[in-house]
Amino acid sequence: MTTKNPRSPRAAAQSHARKALPLDHLVINTHFEMNAAHTIFEQLGFTLTPRGRHSLGSINHLMVFENDYLELLGLPSDGGPLREEVLSSPVGIDGLVFKTTNAAHTHQSLQSAGFAVQPVQAFSRPVELAGVVSDARFETVRFEPGQFSAGRLYYCQHFTPELVWRKEWQAHPNGVNNLAGLLIVCESPQQEAKQYVAAAGGLAALGANGEYRVRGAQYTLVFVTAVQYAECFGGLTCVGGKRSSFFGAIALQTASLAPLRQALERLQKNGLHTITWREQRGRLSVQIPGFNTLLEFVDTDIA
């Protein structure tokens, strides 16, 4: 239900300024199990892009939505160079990537704010369309290790967005159309949220159930304790391992839960019952076996 709440242009501008940076994509690290991950996500009703290979030494498949995407990131098994940051990170939800239109400016701003950041990194991957191969090109700004323990947080500038956001890749049988958020499990949600605000803008606000939230234009970062996480998801939770905080769930907005529900029922019928899931109040939570990943699909009507 919506209500009318007229605001002055100044108030509207101030509200917009309090939003966190736009989300570019979220990353699931598969290490050397990309084939298995591809199969699972395809069976869940996602359209995946053809396999890409970065100049840095990693491979990927994307699930491209309206303004952002979910990335399966892995390592080649053909003896080629391996991307060290992917190899040294655990399997599971491992990347929170904000959108930037100027990587050099973002780098300078982060340094001015007191963050230790690595030099701007340029890389590419070939994309074949109608028999023509072009390079999708990016620049990223990454933090020096140790500042965000939950996973890799960085910023990405796209120089060739037309090679990523393509209509043939944006239609998903399960109805997903946007990333809705990321849940971060930590010891002190308030302090953790403030750290992310310093890096990406927005405001840290206390939620109705004791969690802290940082809102972007189309997504929300939610910060909870391990106890709150277990109370919310029960046996579907991910494992944090040696990390003091970790990314606990990816939220995805979908036009309807019915196609996903049907896909899960088919998987169970075919004997792939290791995928565990639970539905409640317009949300369907799915634990991805072997990949330490929890997905929460949220019906558009309650997103």
Protein backbone atom coordinates (compact mmCIF):
# COMPACT_ATOMS: atom_id res chain seq x y z
CA MET A 1 0.00 0.00 0.00
CA THR A 2 1.31 3.47 -0.87
CA THR A 3 0.38 6.83 0.57
CA LYS A 4 0.83 10.31 -0.86
CA ASN A 5 3.47 12.37 0.90
CA PRO A 6 4.17 15.62 -0.99
CA ARG A 7 7.63 17.00 -0.40
CA SER A 8 9.42 20.14 -1.48
CA PRO A 9 12.05 19.82 -4.23
CA ARG A 10 14.73 20.54 -1.64
CA ALA A 11 13.48 17.75 0.65
CA ALA A 12 13.34 15.35 -2.28
CA ALA A 13 16.90 16.25 -3.27
CA GLN A 14 18.13 15.73 0.29
CA SER A 15 16.40 12.33 0.40
CA HIS A 16 18.04 11.32 -2.88
CA ALA A 17 21.44 12.44 -1.58
CA ARG A 18 21.07 10.07 1.35
CA LYS A 19 20.83 7.02 -0.91
CA ALA A 20 23.89 4.80 -1.17
CA LEU A 21 25.76 4.46 -4.45
CA PRO A 22 24.05 2.46 -7.22
CA LEU A 23 24.68 -1.26 -7.12
CA ASP A 24 26.57 -2.67 -10.10
CA HIS A 25 26.64 -6.38 -9.28
CA LEU A 26 27.04 -9.06 -6.64
CA VAL A 27 29.49 -11.96 -6.91
CA ILE A 28 29.33 -15.66 -6.03
CA ASN A 29 32.74 -17.33 -5.97
CA THR A 30 32.65 -20.87 -7.41
CA HIS A 31 36.42 -21.59 -7.49
CA PHE A 32 36.85 -24.54 -9.90
CA GLU A 33 33.20 -25.67 -9.83
CA MET A 34 31.78 -23.33 -12.45
CA ASN A 35 30.13 -26.09 -14.48
CA ALA A 36 28.12 -27.30 -11.48
CA ALA A 37 27.15 -23.75 -10.50
CA HIS A 38 26.04 -22.96 -14.05
CA THR A 39 23.80 -26.04 -14.09
CA ILE A 40 22.14 -25.21 -10.77
CA PHE A 41 21.41 -21.58 -11.61
CA GLU A 42 20.10 -22.48 -15.04
CA GLN A 43 17.77 -25.05 -13.46
CA LEU A 44 16.54 -22.34 -11.08
CA GLY A 45 15.30 -20.40 -14.10
CA PHE A 46 18.09 -17.91 -14.74
CA THR A 47 19.36 -16.98 -18.19
CA LEU A 48 23.16 -17.06 -18.06
CA THR A 49 25.50 -15.31 -20.47
CA PRO A 50 28.06 -17.38 -22.40
CA ARG A 51 31.21 -18.10 -20.41
CA GLY A 52 33.62 -15.19 -20.26
CA ARG A 53 37.33 -15.16 -19.50
CA HIS A 54 38.94 -12.14 -17.87
CA SER A 55 42.42 -10.97 -18.72
CA LEU A 56 43.13 -11.23 -14.97
CA GLY A 57 42.80 -15.04 -14.92
CA SER A 58 39.17 -15.78 -13.99
CA ILE A 59 36.04 -17.01 -15.75
CA ASN A 60 32.44 -15.95 -15.32
CA HIS A 61 28.78 -16.19 -16.24
CA LEU A 62 26.38 -13.31 -15.63
CA MET A 63 22.70 -13.15 -14.81
CA VAL A 64 21.86 -9.71 -16.17
CA PHE A 65 18.89 -7.74 -14.87
CA GLU A 66 17.46 -4.31 -15.62
CA ASN A 67 20.19 -2.19 -13.99
CA ASP A 68 22.54 -4.66 -12.32
CA TYR A 69 23.60 -8.31 -12.43
CA LEU A 70 24.59 -11.36 -10.44
CA GLU A 71 27.96 -12.86 -11.36
CA LEU A 72 29.20 -16.43 -11.03
CA LEU A 73 32.97 -16.04 -10.80
CA GLY A 74 35.40 -18.93 -11.02
CA LEU A 75 38.85 -20.13 -12.03
CA PRO A 76 39.91 -21.87 -15.25
CA SER A 77 41.00 -25.50 -14.99
CA ASP A 78 43.01 -25.60 -18.22
CA GLY A 79 46.34 -24.63 -16.71
CA GLY A 80 46.06 -20.93 -17.47
CA PRO A 81 46.87 -18.11 -15.02
CA LEU A 82 44.71 -17.96 -11.90
CA ARG A 83 43.31 -14.78 -10.38
CA GLU A 84 44.80 -14.74 -6.90
CA GLU A 85 42.07 -12.73 -5.15
CA VAL A 86 39.48 -15.28 -6.31
CA LEU A 87 41.64 -18.27 -5.36
CA SER A 88 42.34 -16.90 -1.88
CA SER A 89 38.68 -16.06 -1.17
CA PRO A 90 36.21 -18.73 0.03
CA VAL A 91 33.48 -20.26 -2.08
CA GLY A 92 30.19 -18.43 -1.66
CA ILE A 93 28.86 -14.88 -1.76
CA ASP A 94 32.06 -12.90 -2.01
CA GLY A 95 31.62 -9.62 -3.84
CA LEU A 96 29.67 -6.38 -3.34
CA VAL A 97 30.33 -4.06 -6.27
CA PHE A 98 29.11 -0.48 -6.54
CA LYS A 99 28.74 1.39 -9.80
CA THR A 100 31.04 4.30 -10.64
CA THR A 101 31.19 6.46 -13.74
CA ASN A 102 34.74 7.60 -12.99
CA ALA A 103 37.09 5.10 -11.35
CA ALA A 104 39.92 7.63 -11.00
CA HIS A 105 37.66 10.10 -9.19
CA THR A 106 36.32 7.34 -6.91
CA HIS A 107 39.88 6.32 -6.08
CA GLN A 108 40.76 9.89 -5.15
CA SER A 109 37.61 10.34 -3.06
CA LEU A 110 38.24 7.15 -1.08
CA GLN A 111 41.81 8.17 -0.37
CA SER A 112 40.62 11.58 0.80
CA ALA A 113 38.16 9.83 3.13
CA GLY A 114 41.03 7.91 4.74
CA PHE A 115 40.64 4.53 3.04
CA ALA A 116 43.62 2.52 1.82
CA VAL A 117 42.90 1.63 -1.80
CA GLN A 118 44.80 -0.19 -4.48
CA PRO A 119 45.66 1.48 -7.80
CA VAL A 120 42.87 1.62 -10.37
CA GLN A 121 42.81 -1.74 -12.16
CA ALA A 122 41.94 -2.05 -15.86
CA PHE A 123 40.95 -5.38 -17.40
CA SER A 124 38.75 -6.90 -20.08
CA ARG A 125 37.10 -10.04 -21.41
CA PRO A 126 36.14 -10.94 -24.99
CA VAL A 127 32.45 -11.06 -25.91
CA GLU A 128 31.24 -12.68 -29.13
CA LEU A 129 28.05 -11.34 -30.70
CA ALA A 130 26.84 -12.51 -34.13
CA GLY A 131 30.29 -13.87 -34.91
CA VAL A 132 32.08 -10.64 -34.01
CA VAL A 133 34.40 -10.59 -30.98
CA SER A 134 34.71 -7.37 -28.98
CA ASP A 135 36.33 -6.61 -25.63
CA ALA A 136 34.15 -5.72 -22.68
CA ARG A 137 36.34 -3.25 -20.76
CA PHE A 138 36.28 -2.26 -17.10
CA GLU A 139 38.18 -0.30 -14.48
CA THR A 140 37.82 -1.16 -10.80
CA VAL A 141 38.81 0.42 -7.51
CA ARG A 142 39.54 -2.04 -4.71
CA PHE A 143 40.37 -1.63 -1.04
CA GLU A 144 43.57 -2.89 0.48
CA PRO A 145 42.80 -6.16 2.33
CA GLY A 146 41.51 -6.11 5.90
CA GLN A 147 39.11 -3.17 5.80
CA PHE A 148 35.91 -5.10 5.00
CA SER A 149 36.03 -8.60 6.43
CA ALA A 150 32.69 -9.81 5.01
CA GLY A 151 34.06 -10.10 1.48
CA ARG A 152 35.44 -8.16 -1.45
CA LEU A 153 33.90 -4.68 -1.73
CA TYR A 154 34.86 -2.57 -4.72
CA TYR A 155 33.69 -0.20 -7.47
CA CYS A 156 33.35 -0.87 -11.20
CA GLN A 157 33.28 1.47 -14.19
CA HIS A 158 31.91 -0.01 -17.43
CA PHE A 159 33.33 1.36 -20.68
CA THR A 160 31.25 -1.00 -22.84
CA PRO A 161 27.88 -1.46 -21.08
CA GLU A 162 26.30 -2.43 -24.39
CA LEU A 163 28.26 -5.70 -24.19
CA VAL A 164 26.74 -6.52 -20.77
CA TRP A 165 23.16 -5.20 -20.63
CA ARG A 166 21.60 -6.92 -23.64
CA LYS A 167 17.91 -7.77 -24.02
CA GLU A 168 18.57 -11.40 -24.93
CA TRP A 169 20.25 -11.89 -21.55
CA GLN A 170 17.82 -9.90 -19.41
CA ALA A 171 14.75 -12.15 -19.70
CA HIS A 172 14.74 -14.84 -17.01
CA PRO A 173 12.16 -17.67 -16.87
CA ASN A 174 12.02 -17.31 -13.07
CA GLY A 175 10.91 -13.67 -13.40
CA VAL A 176 13.86 -12.07 -11.58
CA ASN A 177 14.40 -8.48 -12.73
CA ASN A 178 16.67 -6.79 -10.17
CA LEU A 179 18.98 -7.29 -7.24
CA ALA A 180 17.02 -6.29 -4.14
CA GLY A 181 19.76 -6.36 -1.53
CA LEU A 182 22.52 -8.05 0.41
CA LEU A 183 22.48 -9.25 4.03
CA ILE A 184 25.68 -8.89 6.05
CA VAL A 185 26.16 -10.95 9.22
CA CYS A 186 28.41 -9.27 11.79
CA GLU A 187 29.09 -8.76 15.49
CA SER A 188 28.00 -5.12 15.60
CA PRO A 189 25.42 -4.23 12.91
CA GLN A 190 25.45 -0.54 13.79
CA GLN A 191 29.23 -0.16 13.50
CA GLU A 192 29.41 -2.33 10.39
CA ALA A 193 26.67 -0.32 8.70
CA LYS A 194 28.49 2.94 9.45
CA GLN A 195 31.64 1.57 7.83
CA TYR A 196 29.72 0.76 4.64
CA VAL A 197 28.10 4.20 4.69
CA ALA A 198 31.58 5.74 4.79
CA ALA A 199 32.49 3.75 1.71
CA ALA A 200 29.27 4.06 -0.31
CA GLY A 201 27.15 6.85 1.12
CA GLY A 202 23.58 6.62 2.39
CA LEU A 203 22.40 6.48 5.99
CA ALA A 204 22.48 3.68 8.58
CA ALA A 205 18.97 3.33 9.99
CA LEU A 206 17.71 1.02 12.72
CA GLY A 207 15.12 -1.48 11.42
CA ALA A 208 12.00 -2.82 13.08
CA ASN A 209 13.67 -6.05 14.23
CA GLY A 210 16.92 -4.63 15.55
CA GLU A 211 18.79 -4.85 12.26
CA TYR A 212 20.48 -1.88 10.58
CA ARG A 213 19.71 -0.89 7.00
CA VAL A 214 21.48 1.18 4.36
CA ARG A 215 19.27 1.95 1.38
CA GLY A 216 20.24 2.51 -2.22
CA ALA A 217 17.89 3.60 -4.96
CA GLN A 218 16.75 0.03 -5.74
CA TYR A 219 18.36 -2.16 -3.08
CA THR A 220 19.04 -2.38 0.66
CA LEU A 221 22.07 -3.54 2.63
CA VAL A 222 20.87 -5.25 5.81
CA PHE A 223 23.19 -5.80 8.80
CA VAL A 224 22.31 -8.43 11.41
CA THR A 225 23.97 -10.44 14.17
CA ALA A 226 24.54 -14.18 13.84
CA VAL A 227 21.63 -14.78 16.25
CA GLN A 228 19.26 -12.63 14.17
CA TYR A 229 20.45 -14.39 11.01
CA ALA A 230 19.73 -17.85 12.44
CA GLU A 231 16.32 -16.75 13.74
CA CYS A 232 15.39 -15.49 10.29
CA PHE A 233 16.64 -18.34 8.09
CA GLY A 234 17.08 -21.35 10.40
CA GLY A 235 18.82 -24.26 8.67
CA LEU A 236 19.26 -22.34 5.41
CA THR A 237 22.04 -20.13 6.73
CA CYS A 238 25.52 -19.85 5.21
CA VAL A 239 28.76 -20.49 7.11
CA GLY A 240 31.05 -17.57 7.85
CA GLY A 241 34.20 -19.63 8.31
CA LYS A 242 37.16 -17.61 9.60
CA ARG A 243 35.62 -14.26 8.69
CA SER A 244 34.43 -12.07 11.55
CA SER A 245 31.58 -10.93 9.31
CA PHE A 246 30.24 -12.41 6.09
CA PHE A 247 27.70 -11.97 3.31
CA GLY A 248 24.75 -14.08 4.41
CA ALA A 249 22.10 -13.76 1.69
CA ILE A 250 21.38 -12.16 -1.67
CA ALA A 251 17.87 -10.77 -2.21
CA LEU A 252 16.42 -10.83 -5.72
CA GLN A 253 13.26 -9.10 -6.90
CA THR A 254 10.92 -11.19 -9.03
CA ALA A 255 7.62 -10.51 -10.77
CA SER A 256 6.18 -13.74 -9.35
CA LEU A 257 7.34 -16.61 -7.15
CA ALA A 258 5.31 -19.17 -9.13
CA PRO A 259 7.94 -19.95 -11.82
CA LEU A 260 10.65 -20.42 -9.20
CA ARG A 261 8.40 -22.61 -7.10
CA GLN A 262 7.74 -24.79 -10.15
CA ALA A 263 11.47 -25.01 -10.92
CA LEU A 264 12.24 -26.14 -7.36
CA GLU A 265 9.49 -28.75 -7.48
CA ARG A 266 10.94 -30.12 -10.73
CA LEU A 267 14.39 -30.34 -9.13
CA GLN A 268 12.99 -32.29 -6.20
CA LYS A 269 11.04 -34.57 -8.51
CA ASN A 270 14.21 -35.32 -10.48
CA GLY A 271 16.03 -36.33 -7.32
CA LEU A 272 18.05 -33.15 -6.83
CA HIS A 273 16.62 -32.75 -3.34
CA THR A 274 19.82 -31.29 -1.85
CA ILE A 275 18.48 -27.83 -2.67
CA THR A 276 16.58 -26.75 0.42
CA TRP A 277 14.05 -23.94 0.38
CA ARG A 278 11.34 -22.27 2.40
CA GLU A 279 8.51 -19.94 1.44
CA GLN A 280 6.79 -17.41 3.65
CA ARG A 281 5.00 -14.06 3.21
CA GLY A 282 5.86 -13.47 -0.44
CA ARG A 283 9.49 -14.55 0.00
CA LEU A 284 11.15 -17.76 -1.06
CA SER A 285 14.57 -18.58 0.41
CA VAL A 286 16.83 -21.09 -1.37
CA GLN A 287 20.09 -22.59 -0.12
CA ILE A 288 22.44 -23.52 -3.00
CA PRO A 289 24.20 -26.79 -2.09
CA GLY A 290 27.96 -26.84 -2.28
CA PHE A 291 28.28 -23.10 -2.83
CA ASN A 292 27.59 -21.65 0.64
CA THR A 293 25.02 -19.34 -0.93
CA LEU A 294 21.55 -18.29 0.22
CA LEU A 295 19.21 -16.58 -2.22
CA GLU A 296 16.02 -14.85 -1.11
CA PHE A 297 13.52 -14.24 -3.89
CA VAL A 298 11.12 -11.42 -3.08
CA ASP A 299 7.79 -10.88 -4.83
CA THR A 300 7.57 -7.42 -6.42
CA ASP A 301 4.41 -6.61 -4.52
CA ILE A 302 6.20 -6.66 -1.16
CA ALA A 303 9.74 -5.66 -2.25
